[in-house]
Amino acid sequence: MGGSGVIAFISLFLVIFGIAYLYFSTRNKERMALIEKGADASIFVKGKREKAAPFWKILILNLALLLMGIGAGIMIGGILRFNLNVNWDIAMPGSIFLMAGTGLLIGFFLTKKIDKED
């Protein structure tokens, strides 16, 4: 029984290592090909925009909207359960996930708007 857990752990490690290896080796090959063709090396440096919104503002905005969505989902699930007699196992997870996803979607659009303003 213990052997299957070890095999799963090793398999997971190998998959992550394989993906990372392919990513970095492919990126290196692409960069070398561009350098050989005479491309400017500045395209490899991710330039920071001077007016970009700070990371902490975006993180707090998305986290706040996620938590508000979860709270609204719990309230909606309770309303569905007690007023409309929807099964508890369906009402709570469904409404929580729906509202949390809605909160994250709103956060995405607000983050995009903040980036455009700055």
PDB file of N, CA and C in Angstrom:
ATOM      1  N   MET A   1       0.810  -1.190   0.000  1.00  0.00           N
ATOM      2  CA  MET A   1       0.000   0.000   0.000  1.00  0.00           C
ATOM      3  C   MET A   1       0.855   1.256   0.000  1.00  0.00           C
ATOM      4  N   GLY A   2       1.936   1.256   0.761  1.00  0.00           N
ATOM      5  CA  GLY A   2       2.795   2.432   0.853  1.00  0.00           C
ATOM      6  C   GLY A   2       3.554   2.692  -0.437  1.00  0.00           C
ATOM      7  N   GLY A   3       3.750   1.662  -1.234  1.00  0.00           N
ATOM      8  CA  GLY A   3       4.506   1.814  -2.469  1.00  0.00           C
ATOM      9  C   GLY A   3       3.805   2.667  -3.510  1.00  0.00           C
ATOM     10  N   SER A   4       2.479   2.627  -3.542  1.00  0.00           N
ATOM     11  CA  SER A   4       1.744   3.404  -4.539  1.00  0.00           C
ATOM     12  C   SER A   4       1.841   4.902  -4.255  1.00  0.00           C
ATOM     13  N   GLY A   5       1.898   5.280  -2.976  1.00  0.00           N
ATOM     14  CA  GLY A   5       2.059   6.690  -2.631  1.00  0.00           C
ATOM     15  C   GLY A   5       3.409   7.221  -3.045  1.00  0.00           C
ATOM     16  N   VAL A   6       4.430   6.388  -2.865  1.00  0.00           N
ATOM     17  CA  VAL A   6       5.782   6.790  -3.248  1.00  0.00           C
ATOM     18  C   VAL A   6       5.874   6.920  -4.762  1.00  0.00           C
ATOM     19  N   ILE A   7       5.274   6.006  -5.484  1.00  0.00           N
ATOM     20  CA  ILE A   7       5.300   6.058  -6.947  1.00  0.00           C
ATOM     21  C   ILE A   7       4.562   7.297  -7.449  1.00  0.00           C
ATOM     22  N   ALA A   8       3.438   7.629  -6.826  1.00  0.00           N
ATOM     23  CA  ALA A   8       2.694   8.824  -7.230  1.00  0.00           C
ATOM     24  C   ALA A   8       3.505  10.083  -6.961  1.00  0.00           C
ATOM     25  N   PHE A   9       4.174  10.149  -5.817  1.00  0.00           N
ATOM     26  CA  PHE A   9       4.991  11.312  -5.479  1.00  0.00           C
ATOM     27  C   PHE A   9       6.152  11.464  -6.463  1.00  0.00           C
ATOM     28  N   ILE A  10       6.823  10.373  -6.769  1.00  0.00           N
ATOM     29  CA  ILE A  10       7.935  10.423  -7.720  1.00  0.00           C
ATOM     30  C   ILE A  10       7.439  10.806  -9.102  1.00  0.00           C
ATOM     31  N   SER A  11       6.296  10.271  -9.508  1.00  0.00           N
ATOM     32  CA  SER A  11       5.737  10.616 -10.819  1.00  0.00           C
ATOM     33  C   SER A  11       5.399  12.097 -10.897  1.00  0.00           C
ATOM     34  N   LEU A  12       4.812  12.636  -9.843  1.00  0.00           N
ATOM     35  CA  LEU A  12       4.487  14.057  -9.815  1.00  0.00           C
ATOM     36  C   LEU A  12       5.755  14.898  -9.921  1.00  0.00           C
ATOM     37  N   PHE A  13       6.790  14.534  -9.186  1.00  0.00           N
ATOM     38  CA  PHE A  13       8.054  15.252  -9.246  1.00  0.00           C
ATOM     39  C   PHE A  13       8.649  15.197 -10.649  1.00  0.00           C
ATOM     40  N   LEU A  14       8.617  14.042 -11.280  1.00  0.00           N
ATOM     41  CA  LEU A  14       9.171  13.892 -12.621  1.00  0.00           C
ATOM     42  C   LEU A  14       8.395  14.724 -13.645  1.00  0.00           C
ATOM     43  N   VAL A  15       7.087  14.788 -13.517  1.00  0.00           N
ATOM     44  CA  VAL A  15       6.280  15.588 -14.438  1.00  0.00           C
ATOM     45  C   VAL A  15       6.612  17.065 -14.291  1.00  0.00           C
ATOM     46  N   ILE A  16       6.710  17.543 -13.051  1.00  0.00           N
ATOM     47  CA  ILE A  16       7.053  18.953 -12.826  1.00  0.00           C
ATOM     48  C   ILE A  16       8.452  19.254 -13.346  1.00  0.00           C
ATOM     49  N   PHE A  17       9.399  18.366 -13.076  1.00  0.00           N
ATOM     50  CA  PHE A  17      10.761  18.559 -13.582  1.00  0.00           C
ATOM     51  C   PHE A  17      10.781  18.563 -15.112  1.00  0.00           C
ATOM     52  N   GLY A  18      10.043  17.661 -15.738  1.00  0.00           N
ATOM     53  CA  GLY A  18      10.011  17.591 -17.199  1.00  0.00           C
ATOM     54  C   GLY A  18       9.435  18.848 -17.826  1.00  0.00           C
ATOM     55  N   ILE A  19       8.376  19.367 -17.252  1.00  0.00           N
ATOM     56  CA  ILE A  19       7.774  20.590 -17.780  1.00  0.00           C
ATOM     57  C   ILE A  19       8.734  21.758 -17.631  1.00  0.00           C
ATOM     58  N   ALA A  20       9.373  21.875 -16.465  1.00  0.00           N
ATOM     59  CA  ALA A  20      10.325  22.968 -16.247  1.00  0.00           C
ATOM     60  C   ALA A  20      11.503  22.850 -17.203  1.00  0.00           C
ATOM     61  N   TYR A  21      12.018  21.641 -17.401  1.00  0.00           N
ATOM     62  CA  TYR A  21      13.147  21.447 -18.304  1.00  0.00           C
ATOM     63  C   TYR A  21      12.782  21.831 -19.730  1.00  0.00           C
ATOM     64  N   LEU A  22      11.623  21.391 -20.197  1.00  0.00           N
ATOM     65  CA  LEU A  22      11.211  21.736 -21.552  1.00  0.00           C
ATOM     66  C   LEU A  22      11.012  23.242 -21.708  1.00  0.00           C
ATOM     67  N   TYR A  23      10.449  23.883 -20.705  1.00  0.00           N
ATOM     68  CA  TYR A  23      10.216  25.320 -20.764  1.00  0.00           C
ATOM     69  C   TYR A  23      11.530  26.076 -20.888  1.00  0.00           C
ATOM     70  N   PHE A  24      12.466  25.773 -20.007  1.00  0.00           N
ATOM     71  CA  PHE A  24      13.721  26.526 -20.011  1.00  0.00           C
ATOM     72  C   PHE A  24      14.606  26.181 -21.204  1.00  0.00           C
ATOM     73  N   SER A  25      14.633  24.924 -21.630  1.00  0.00           N
ATOM     74  CA  SER A  25      15.470  24.585 -22.782  1.00  0.00           C
ATOM     75  C   SER A  25      14.902  25.187 -24.069  1.00  0.00           C
ATOM     76  N   THR A  26      13.581  25.198 -24.204  1.00  0.00           N
ATOM     77  CA  THR A  26      12.963  25.800 -25.382  1.00  0.00           C
ATOM     78  C   THR A  26      13.191  27.304 -25.402  1.00  0.00           C
ATOM     79  N   ARG A  27      13.065  27.943 -24.233  1.00  0.00           N
ATOM     80  CA  ARG A  27      13.279  29.384 -24.145  1.00  0.00           C
ATOM     81  C   ARG A  27      14.722  29.731 -24.509  1.00  0.00           C
ATOM     82  N   ASN A  28      15.661  28.912 -24.059  1.00  0.00           N
ATOM     83  CA  ASN A  28      17.066  29.157 -24.370  1.00  0.00           C
ATOM     84  C   ASN A  28      17.316  29.015 -25.867  1.00  0.00           C
ATOM     85  N   LYS A  29      16.740  27.996 -26.489  1.00  0.00           N
ATOM     86  CA  LYS A  29      16.925  27.789 -27.923  1.00  0.00           C
ATOM     87  C   LYS A  29      16.340  28.939 -28.737  1.00  0.00           C
ATOM     88  N   GLU A  30      15.158  29.426 -28.329  1.00  0.00           N
ATOM     89  CA  GLU A  30      14.540  30.554 -29.029  1.00  0.00           C
ATOM     90  C   GLU A  30      15.405  31.808 -28.912  1.00  0.00           C
ATOM     91  N   ARG A  31      15.926  32.050 -27.733  1.00  0.00           N
ATOM     92  CA  ARG A  31      16.764  33.232 -27.530  1.00  0.00           C
ATOM     93  C   ARG A  31      18.058  33.143 -28.327  1.00  0.00           C
ATOM     94  N   MET A  32      18.650  31.967 -28.347  1.00  0.00           N
ATOM     95  CA  MET A  32      19.890  31.800 -29.122  1.00  0.00           C
ATOM     96  C   MET A  32      19.625  32.013 -30.612  1.00  0.00           C
ATOM     97  N   ALA A  33      18.494  31.533 -31.103  1.00  0.00           N
ATOM     98  CA  ALA A  33      18.173  31.720 -32.516  1.00  0.00           C
ATOM     99  C   ALA A  33      17.968  33.201 -32.830  1.00  0.00           C
ATOM    100  N   LEU A  34      17.307  33.932 -31.929  1.00  0.00           N
ATOM    101  CA  LEU A  34      17.109  35.365 -32.155  1.00  0.00           C
ATOM    102  C   LEU A  34      18.429  36.129 -32.105  1.00  0.00           C
ATOM    103  N   ILE A  35      19.312  35.739 -31.196  1.00  0.00           N
ATOM    104  CA  ILE A  35      20.608  36.418 -31.099  1.00  0.00           C
ATOM    105  C   ILE A  35      21.429  36.151 -32.351  1.00  0.00           C
ATOM    106  N   GLU A  36      21.383  34.923 -32.863  1.00  0.00           N
ATOM    107  CA  GLU A  36      22.123  34.598 -34.086  1.00  0.00           C
ATOM    108  C   GLU A  36      21.623  35.407 -35.278  1.00  0.00           C
ATOM    109  N   LYS A  37      20.332  35.722 -35.279  1.00  0.00           N
ATOM    110  CA  LYS A  37      19.780  36.518 -36.376  1.00  0.00           C
ATOM    111  C   LYS A  37      20.001  38.008 -36.177  1.00  0.00           C
ATOM    112  N   GLY A  38      20.562  38.394 -35.044  1.00  0.00           N
ATOM    113  CA  GLY A  38      20.879  39.795 -34.814  1.00  0.00           C
ATOM    114  C   GLY A  38      19.779  40.591 -34.135  1.00  0.00           C
ATOM    115  N   ALA A  39      18.880  39.925 -33.443  1.00  0.00           N
ATOM    116  CA  ALA A  39      17.809  40.641 -32.746  1.00  0.00           C
ATOM    117  C   ALA A  39      18.374  41.371 -31.533  1.00  0.00           C
ATOM    118  N   ASP A  40      17.718  42.436 -31.137  1.00  0.00           N
ATOM    119  CA  ASP A  40      18.145  43.223 -29.997  1.00  0.00           C
ATOM    120  C   ASP A  40      17.909  42.429 -28.717  1.00  0.00           C
ATOM    121  N   ALA A  41      18.885  42.423 -27.818  1.00  0.00           N
ATOM    122  CA  ALA A  41      18.786  41.642 -26.578  1.00  0.00           C
ATOM    123  C   ALA A  41      17.808  42.256 -25.583  1.00  0.00           C
ATOM    124  N   SER A  42      17.373  43.478 -25.808  1.00  0.00           N
ATOM    125  CA  SER A  42      16.468  44.119 -24.854  1.00  0.00           C
ATOM    126  C   SER A  42      15.076  43.494 -24.859  1.00  0.00           C
ATOM    127  N   ILE A  43      14.758  42.689 -25.867  1.00  0.00           N
ATOM    128  CA  ILE A  43      13.442  42.050 -25.893  1.00  0.00           C
ATOM    129  C   ILE A  43      13.336  40.952 -24.847  1.00  0.00           C
ATOM    130  N   PHE A  44      14.464  40.495 -24.297  1.00  0.00           N
ATOM    131  CA  PHE A  44      14.440  39.441 -23.295  1.00  0.00           C
ATOM    132  C   PHE A  44      14.180  39.980 -21.894  1.00  0.00           C
ATOM    133  N   VAL A  45      14.383  41.248 -21.695  1.00  0.00           N
ATOM    134  CA  VAL A  45      14.191  41.851 -20.381  1.00  0.00           C
ATOM    135  C   VAL A  45      12.760  42.342 -20.300  1.00  0.00           C
ATOM    136  N   LYS A  46      12.072  41.870 -19.286  1.00  0.00           N
ATOM    137  CA  LYS A  46      10.698  42.320 -19.096  1.00  0.00           C
ATOM    138  C   LYS A  46      10.750  43.708 -18.493  1.00  0.00           C
ATOM    139  N   GLY A  47      10.446  44.684 -19.294  1.00  0.00           N
ATOM    140  CA  GLY A  47      10.496  46.054 -18.813  1.00  0.00           C
ATOM    141  C   GLY A  47       9.328  46.379 -17.917  1.00  0.00           C
ATOM    142  N   LYS A  48       9.623  47.071 -16.837  1.00  0.00           N
ATOM    143  CA  LYS A  48       8.558  47.500 -15.948  1.00  0.00           C
ATOM    144  C   LYS A  48       8.018  48.815 -16.449  1.00  0.00           C
ATOM    145  N   ARG A  49       6.719  48.873 -16.550  1.00  0.00           N
ATOM    146  CA  ARG A  49       6.109  50.131 -16.932  1.00  0.00           C
ATOM    147  C   ARG A  49       6.195  51.073 -15.749  1.00  0.00           C
ATOM    148  N   GLU A  50       6.451  52.313 -16.027  1.00  0.00           N
ATOM    149  CA  GLU A  50       6.604  53.282 -14.949  1.00  0.00           C
ATOM    150  C   GLU A  50       5.285  53.541 -14.248  1.00  0.00           C
ATOM    151  N   LYS A  51       4.199  53.432 -14.957  1.00  0.00           N
ATOM    152  CA  LYS A  51       2.898  53.779 -14.402  1.00  0.00           C
ATOM    153  C   LYS A  51       2.080  52.552 -14.014  1.00  0.00           C
ATOM    154  N   ALA A  52       2.697  51.395 -13.936  1.00  0.00           N
ATOM    155  CA  ALA A  52       1.958  50.179 -13.601  1.00  0.00           C
ATOM    156  C   ALA A  52       1.480  50.235 -12.155  1.00  0.00           C
ATOM    157  N   ALA A  53       0.304  49.691 -11.921  1.00  0.00           N
ATOM    158  CA  ALA A  53      -0.252  49.655 -10.570  1.00  0.00           C
ATOM    159  C   ALA A  53       0.599  48.726  -9.707  1.00  0.00           C
ATOM    160  N   PRO A  54       0.823  49.085  -8.452  1.00  0.00           N
ATOM    161  CA  PRO A  54       1.612  48.211  -7.573  1.00  0.00           C
ATOM    162  C   PRO A  54       0.939  46.855  -7.391  1.00  0.00           C
ATOM    163  N   PHE A  55       1.761  45.851  -7.213  1.00  0.00           N
ATOM    164  CA  PHE A  55       1.277  44.481  -7.082  1.00  0.00           C
ATOM    165  C   PHE A  55       0.341  44.340  -5.890  1.00  0.00           C
ATOM    166  N   TRP A  56       0.655  44.988  -4.790  1.00  0.00           N
ATOM    167  CA  TRP A  56      -0.147  44.841  -3.578  1.00  0.00           C
ATOM    168  C   TRP A  56      -1.561  45.385  -3.766  1.00  0.00           C
ATOM    169  N   LYS A  57      -1.718  46.433  -4.577  1.00  0.00           N
ATOM    170  CA  LYS A  57      -3.061  46.968  -4.820  1.00  0.00           C
ATOM    171  C   LYS A  57      -3.918  45.958  -5.583  1.00  0.00           C
ATOM    172  N   ILE A  58      -3.331  45.350  -6.564  1.00  0.00           N
ATOM    173  CA  ILE A  58      -4.052  44.370  -7.372  1.00  0.00           C
ATOM    174  C   ILE A  58      -4.382  43.136  -6.538  1.00  0.00           C
ATOM    175  N   LEU A  59      -3.433  42.692  -5.711  1.00  0.00           N
ATOM    176  CA  LEU A  59      -3.651  41.526  -4.861  1.00  0.00           C
ATOM    177  C   LEU A  59      -4.774  41.788  -3.857  1.00  0.00           C
ATOM    178  N   ILE A  60      -4.749  42.937  -3.210  1.00  0.00           N
ATOM    179  CA  ILE A  60      -5.786  43.255  -2.223  1.00  0.00           C
ATOM    180  C   ILE A  60      -7.149  43.389  -2.899  1.00  0.00           C
ATOM    181  N   LEU A  61      -7.190  44.008  -4.067  1.00  0.00           N
ATOM    182  CA  LEU A  61      -8.457  44.151  -4.789  1.00  0.00           C
ATOM    183  C   LEU A  61      -9.044  42.788  -5.117  1.00  0.00           C
ATOM    184  N   ASN A  62      -8.243  41.900  -5.686  1.00  0.00           N
ATOM    185  CA  ASN A  62      -8.749  40.580  -6.074  1.00  0.00           C
ATOM    186  C   ASN A  62      -9.109  39.733  -4.855  1.00  0.00           C
ATOM    187  N   LEU A  63      -8.313  39.822  -3.793  1.00  0.00           N
ATOM    188  CA  LEU A  63      -8.619  39.061  -2.593  1.00  0.00           C
ATOM    189  C   LEU A  63      -9.912  39.556  -1.946  1.00  0.00           C
ATOM    190  N   ALA A  64     -10.088  40.875  -1.899  1.00  0.00           N
ATOM    191  CA  ALA A  64     -11.317  41.436  -1.324  1.00  0.00           C
ATOM    192  C   ALA A  64     -12.538  41.013  -2.127  1.00  0.00           C
ATOM    193  N   LEU A  65     -12.442  41.076  -3.444  1.00  0.00           N
ATOM    194  CA  LEU A  65     -13.586  40.672  -4.266  1.00  0.00           C
ATOM    195  C   LEU A  65     -13.863  39.171  -4.164  1.00  0.00           C
ATOM    196  N   LEU A  66     -12.808  38.374  -4.029  1.00  0.00           N
ATOM    197  CA  LEU A  66     -12.999  36.939  -3.847  1.00  0.00           C
ATOM    198  C   LEU A  66     -13.727  36.653  -2.541  1.00  0.00           C
ATOM    199  N   LEU A  67     -13.279  37.276  -1.455  1.00  0.00           N
ATOM    200  CA  LEU A  67     -13.917  37.042  -0.160  1.00  0.00           C
ATOM    201  C   LEU A  67     -15.354  37.574  -0.136  1.00  0.00           C
ATOM    202  N   MET A  68     -15.584  38.718  -0.782  1.00  0.00           N
ATOM    203  CA  MET A  68     -16.954  39.232  -0.868  1.00  0.00           C
ATOM    204  C   MET A  68     -17.838  38.283  -1.671  1.00  0.00           C
ATOM    205  N   GLY A  69     -17.289  37.703  -2.722  1.00  0.00           N
ATOM    206  CA  GLY A  69     -18.041  36.740  -3.519  1.00  0.00           C
ATOM    207  C   GLY A  69     -18.368  35.482  -2.738  1.00  0.00           C
ATOM    208  N   ILE A  70     -17.411  35.011  -1.926  1.00  0.00           N
ATOM    209  CA  ILE A  70     -17.672  33.827  -1.103  1.00  0.00           C
ATOM    210  C   ILE A  70     -18.764  34.132  -0.082  1.00  0.00           C
ATOM    211  N   GLY A  71     -18.689  35.312   0.555  1.00  0.00           N
ATOM    212  CA  GLY A  71     -19.723  35.698   1.519  1.00  0.00           C
ATOM    213  C   GLY A  71     -21.096  35.802   0.866  1.00  0.00           C
ATOM    214  N   ALA A  72     -21.140  36.408  -0.314  1.00  0.00           N
ATOM    215  CA  ALA A  72     -22.417  36.513  -1.025  1.00  0.00           C
ATOM    216  C   ALA A  72     -22.922  35.131  -1.434  1.00  0.00           C
ATOM    217  N   GLY A  73     -22.004  34.237  -1.795  1.00  0.00           N
ATOM    218  CA  GLY A  73     -22.401  32.878  -2.156  1.00  0.00           C
ATOM    219  C   GLY A  73     -22.991  32.121  -0.983  1.00  0.00           C
ATOM    220  N   ILE A  74     -22.438  32.331   0.214  1.00  0.00           N
ATOM    221  CA  ILE A  74     -22.995  31.686   1.402  1.00  0.00           C
ATOM    222  C   ILE A  74     -24.401  32.223   1.679  1.00  0.00           C
ATOM    223  N   MET A  75     -24.561  33.528   1.543  1.00  0.00           N
ATOM    224  CA  MET A  75     -25.892  34.111   1.770  1.00  0.00           C
ATOM    225  C   MET A  75     -26.900  33.593   0.739  1.00  0.00           C
ATOM    226  N   ILE A  76     -26.509  33.561  -0.522  1.00  0.00           N
ATOM    227  CA  ILE A  76     -27.416  33.079  -1.572  1.00  0.00           C
ATOM    228  C   ILE A  76     -27.729  31.596  -1.371  1.00  0.00           C
ATOM    229  N   GLY A  77     -26.715  30.816  -0.971  1.00  0.00           N
ATOM    230  CA  GLY A  77     -26.958  29.401  -0.686  1.00  0.00           C
ATOM    231  C   GLY A  77     -27.950  29.208   0.444  1.00  0.00           C
ATOM    232  N   GLY A  78     -27.854  30.030   1.492  1.00  0.00           N
ATOM    233  CA  GLY A  78     -28.824  29.951   2.581  1.00  0.00           C
ATOM    234  C   GLY A  78     -30.220  30.326   2.129  1.00  0.00           C
ATOM    235  N   ILE A  79     -30.315  31.346   1.287  1.00  0.00           N
ATOM    236  CA  ILE A  79     -31.625  31.745   0.764  1.00  0.00           C
ATOM    237  C   ILE A  79     -32.215  30.634  -0.100  1.00  0.00           C
ATOM    238  N   LEU A  80     -31.375  30.037  -0.947  1.00  0.00           N
ATOM    239  CA  LEU A  80     -31.854  28.937  -1.790  1.00  0.00           C
ATOM    240  C   LEU A  80     -32.335  27.762  -0.944  1.00  0.00           C
ATOM    241  N   ARG A  81     -31.589  27.475   0.132  1.00  0.00           N
ATOM    242  CA  ARG A  81     -31.927  26.325   0.962  1.00  0.00           C
ATOM    243  C   ARG A  81     -33.221  26.542   1.735  1.00  0.00           C
ATOM    244  N   PHE A  82     -33.347  27.681   2.415  1.00  0.00           N
ATOM    245  CA  PHE A  82     -34.460  27.858   3.334  1.00  0.00           C
ATOM    246  C   PHE A  82     -35.707  28.427   2.672  1.00  0.00           C
ATOM    247  N   ASN A  83     -35.556  29.187   1.618  1.00  0.00           N
ATOM    248  CA  ASN A  83     -36.744  29.766   0.980  1.00  0.00           C
ATOM    249  C   ASN A  83     -37.243  28.948  -0.206  1.00  0.00           C
ATOM    250  N   LEU A  84     -36.324  28.336  -0.923  1.00  0.00           N
ATOM    251  CA  LEU A  84     -36.729  27.590  -2.115  1.00  0.00           C
ATOM    252  C   LEU A  84     -36.585  26.078  -1.951  1.00  0.00           C
ATOM    253  N   ASN A  85     -36.163  25.630  -0.774  1.00  0.00           N
ATOM    254  CA  ASN A  85     -36.006  24.205  -0.449  1.00  0.00           C
ATOM    255  C   ASN A  85     -35.094  23.461  -1.430  1.00  0.00           C
ATOM    256  N   VAL A  86     -34.021  24.121  -1.852  1.00  0.00           N
ATOM    257  CA  VAL A  86     -33.023  23.462  -2.689  1.00  0.00           C
ATOM    258  C   VAL A  86     -32.151  22.599  -1.784  1.00  0.00           C
ATOM    259  N   ASN A  87     -31.722  21.462  -2.263  1.00  0.00           N
ATOM    260  CA  ASN A  87     -30.871  20.561  -1.490  1.00  0.00           C
ATOM    261  C   ASN A  87     -29.613  21.298  -1.025  1.00  0.00           C
ATOM    262  N   TRP A  88     -29.262  21.126   0.251  1.00  0.00           N
ATOM    263  CA  TRP A  88     -28.122  21.829   0.859  1.00  0.00           C
ATOM    264  C   TRP A  88     -26.821  21.514   0.119  1.00  0.00           C
ATOM    265  N   ASP A  89     -26.635  20.267  -0.306  1.00  0.00           N
ATOM    266  CA  ASP A  89     -25.409  19.856  -0.987  1.00  0.00           C
ATOM    267  C   ASP A  89     -25.269  20.489  -2.363  1.00  0.00           C
ATOM    268  N   ILE A  90     -26.340  20.990  -2.904  1.00  0.00           N
ATOM    269  CA  ILE A  90     -26.303  21.651  -4.206  1.00  0.00           C
ATOM    270  C   ILE A  90     -26.265  23.168  -4.034  1.00  0.00           C
ATOM    271  N   ALA A  91     -27.039  23.672  -3.112  1.00  0.00           N
ATOM    272  CA  ALA A  91     -27.175  25.124  -2.969  1.00  0.00           C
ATOM    273  C   ALA A  91     -25.887  25.790  -2.514  1.00  0.00           C
ATOM    274  N   MET A  92     -25.245  25.252  -1.480  1.00  0.00           N
ATOM    275  CA  MET A  92     -24.082  25.935  -0.913  1.00  0.00           C
ATOM    276  C   MET A  92     -22.863  25.916  -1.838  1.00  0.00           C
ATOM    277  N   PRO A  93     -22.358  24.753  -2.268  1.00  0.00           N
ATOM    278  CA  PRO A  93     -21.165  24.790  -3.129  1.00  0.00           C
ATOM    279  C   PRO A  93     -21.415  25.506  -4.448  1.00  0.00           C
ATOM    280  N   GLY A  94     -22.582  25.278  -5.019  1.00  0.00           N
ATOM    281  CA  GLY A  94     -22.875  25.913  -6.303  1.00  0.00           C
ATOM    282  C   GLY A  94     -22.896  27.421  -6.214  1.00  0.00           C
ATOM    283  N   SER A  95     -23.570  27.947  -5.204  1.00  0.00           N
ATOM    284  CA  SER A  95     -23.636  29.404  -5.084  1.00  0.00           C
ATOM    285  C   SER A  95     -22.298  29.999  -4.663  1.00  0.00           C
ATOM    286  N   ILE A  96     -21.552  29.302  -3.807  1.00  0.00           N
ATOM    287  CA  ILE A  96     -20.240  29.820  -3.394  1.00  0.00           C
ATOM    288  C   ILE A  96     -19.298  29.901  -4.589  1.00  0.00           C
ATOM    289  N   PHE A  97     -19.205  28.829  -5.361  1.00  0.00           N
ATOM    290  CA  PHE A  97     -18.305  28.839  -6.521  1.00  0.00           C
ATOM    291  C   PHE A  97     -18.751  29.847  -7.573  1.00  0.00           C
ATOM    292  N   LEU A  98     -20.050  29.955  -7.776  1.00  0.00           N
ATOM    293  CA  LEU A  98     -20.563  30.908  -8.758  1.00  0.00           C
ATOM    294  C   LEU A  98     -20.220  32.334  -8.360  1.00  0.00           C
ATOM    295  N   MET A  99     -20.447  32.682  -7.126  1.00  0.00           N
ATOM    296  CA  MET A  99     -20.194  34.052  -6.688  1.00  0.00           C
ATOM    297  C   MET A  99     -18.699  34.344  -6.538  1.00  0.00           C
ATOM    298  N   ALA A 100     -17.907  33.354  -6.118  1.00  0.00           N
ATOM    299  CA  ALA A 100     -16.463  33.560  -6.037  1.00  0.00           C
ATOM    300  C   ALA A 100     -15.884  33.787  -7.431  1.00  0.00           C
ATOM    301  N   GLY A 101     -16.340  33.014  -8.405  1.00  0.00           N
ATOM    302  CA  GLY A 101     -15.896  33.222  -9.788  1.00  0.00           C
ATOM    303  C   GLY A 101     -16.326  34.559 -10.331  1.00  0.00           C
ATOM    304  N   THR A 102     -17.526  34.988  -9.984  1.00  0.00           N
ATOM    305  CA  THR A 102     -17.999  36.303 -10.407  1.00  0.00           C
ATOM    306  C   THR A 102     -17.141  37.403  -9.801  1.00  0.00           C
ATOM    307  N   GLY A 103     -16.785  37.250  -8.516  1.00  0.00           N
ATOM    308  CA  GLY A 103     -15.914  38.226  -7.865  1.00  0.00           C
ATOM    309  C   GLY A 103     -14.545  38.305  -8.528  1.00  0.00           C
ATOM    310  N   LEU A 104     -13.982  37.164  -8.878  1.00  0.00           N
ATOM    311  CA  LEU A 104     -12.680  37.161  -9.560  1.00  0.00           C
ATOM    312  C   LEU A 104     -12.776  37.757 -10.960  1.00  0.00           C
ATOM    313  N   LEU A 105     -13.868  37.522 -11.648  1.00  0.00           N
ATOM    314  CA  LEU A 105     -14.058  38.105 -12.974  1.00  0.00           C
ATOM    315  C   LEU A 105     -14.152  39.624 -12.881  1.00  0.00           C
ATOM    316  N   ILE A 106     -14.895  40.113 -11.894  1.00  0.00           N
ATOM    317  CA  ILE A 106     -14.982  41.559 -11.681  1.00  0.00           C
ATOM    318  C   ILE A 106     -13.607  42.115 -11.332  1.00  0.00           C
ATOM    319  N   GLY A 107     -12.855  41.388 -10.519  1.00  0.00           N
ATOM    320  CA  GLY A 107     -11.496  41.807 -10.171  1.00  0.00           C
ATOM    321  C   GLY A 107     -10.599  41.885 -11.394  1.00  0.00           C
ATOM    322  N   PHE A 108     -10.764  40.954 -12.309  1.00  0.00           N
ATOM    323  CA  PHE A 108      -9.968  40.981 -13.537  1.00  0.00           C
ATOM    324  C   PHE A 108     -10.243  42.246 -14.338  1.00  0.00           C
ATOM    325  N   PHE A 109     -11.526  42.569 -14.501  1.00  0.00           N
ATOM    326  CA  PHE A 109     -11.872  43.758 -15.283  1.00  0.00           C
ATOM    327  C   PHE A 109     -11.452  45.041 -14.571  1.00  0.00           C
ATOM    328  N   LEU A 110     -11.563  45.076 -13.248  1.00  0.00           N
ATOM    329  CA  LEU A 110     -11.123  46.259 -12.514  1.00  0.00           C
ATOM    330  C   LEU A 110      -9.602  46.418 -12.580  1.00  0.00           C
ATOM    331  N   THR A 111      -8.881  45.308 -12.528  1.00  0.00           N
ATOM    332  CA  THR A 111      -7.422  45.368 -12.641  1.00  0.00           C
ATOM    333  C   THR A 111      -7.001  45.870 -14.013  1.00  0.00           C
ATOM    334  N   LYS A 112      -7.703  45.406 -15.034  1.00  0.00           N
ATOM    335  CA  LYS A 112      -7.418  45.882 -16.385  1.00  0.00           C
ATOM    336  C   LYS A 112      -7.694  47.374 -16.492  1.00  0.00           C
ATOM    337  N   LYS A 113      -8.769  47.834 -15.861  1.00  0.00           N
ATOM    338  CA  LYS A 113      -9.102  49.248 -15.882  1.00  0.00           C
ATOM    339  C   LYS A 113      -8.062  50.068 -15.128  1.00  0.00           C
ATOM    340  N   ILE A 114      -7.583  49.557 -13.995  1.00  0.00           N
ATOM    341  CA  ILE A 114      -6.557  50.268 -13.218  1.00  0.00           C
ATOM    342  C   ILE A 114      -5.278  50.386 -14.038  1.00  0.00           C
ATOM    343  N   ASP A 115      -4.901  49.320 -14.743  1.00  0.00           N
ATOM    344  CA  ASP A 115      -3.686  49.359 -15.560  1.00  0.00           C
ATOM    345  C   ASP A 115      -3.806  50.370 -16.697  1.00  0.00           C
ATOM    346  N   LYS A 116      -4.995  50.501 -17.272  1.00  0.00           N
ATOM    347  CA  LYS A 116      -5.189  51.473 -18.354  1.00  0.00           C
ATOM    348  C   LYS A 116      -5.115  52.909 -17.845  1.00  0.00           C
ATOM    349  N   GLU A 117      -5.648  53.135 -16.627  1.00  0.00           N
ATOM    350  CA  GLU A 117      -5.646  54.492 -16.071  1.00  0.00           C
ATOM    351  C   GLU A 117      -4.239  54.929 -15.719  1.00  0.00           C
ATOM    352  N   ASP A 118      -3.445  54.023 -15.189  1.00  0.00           N
ATOM    353  CA  ASP A 118      -2.101  54.400 -14.778  1.00  0.00           C
ATOM    354  C   ASP A 118      -1.201  54.469 -15.947  1.00  0.00           C
TER     355      ASP A 118
END
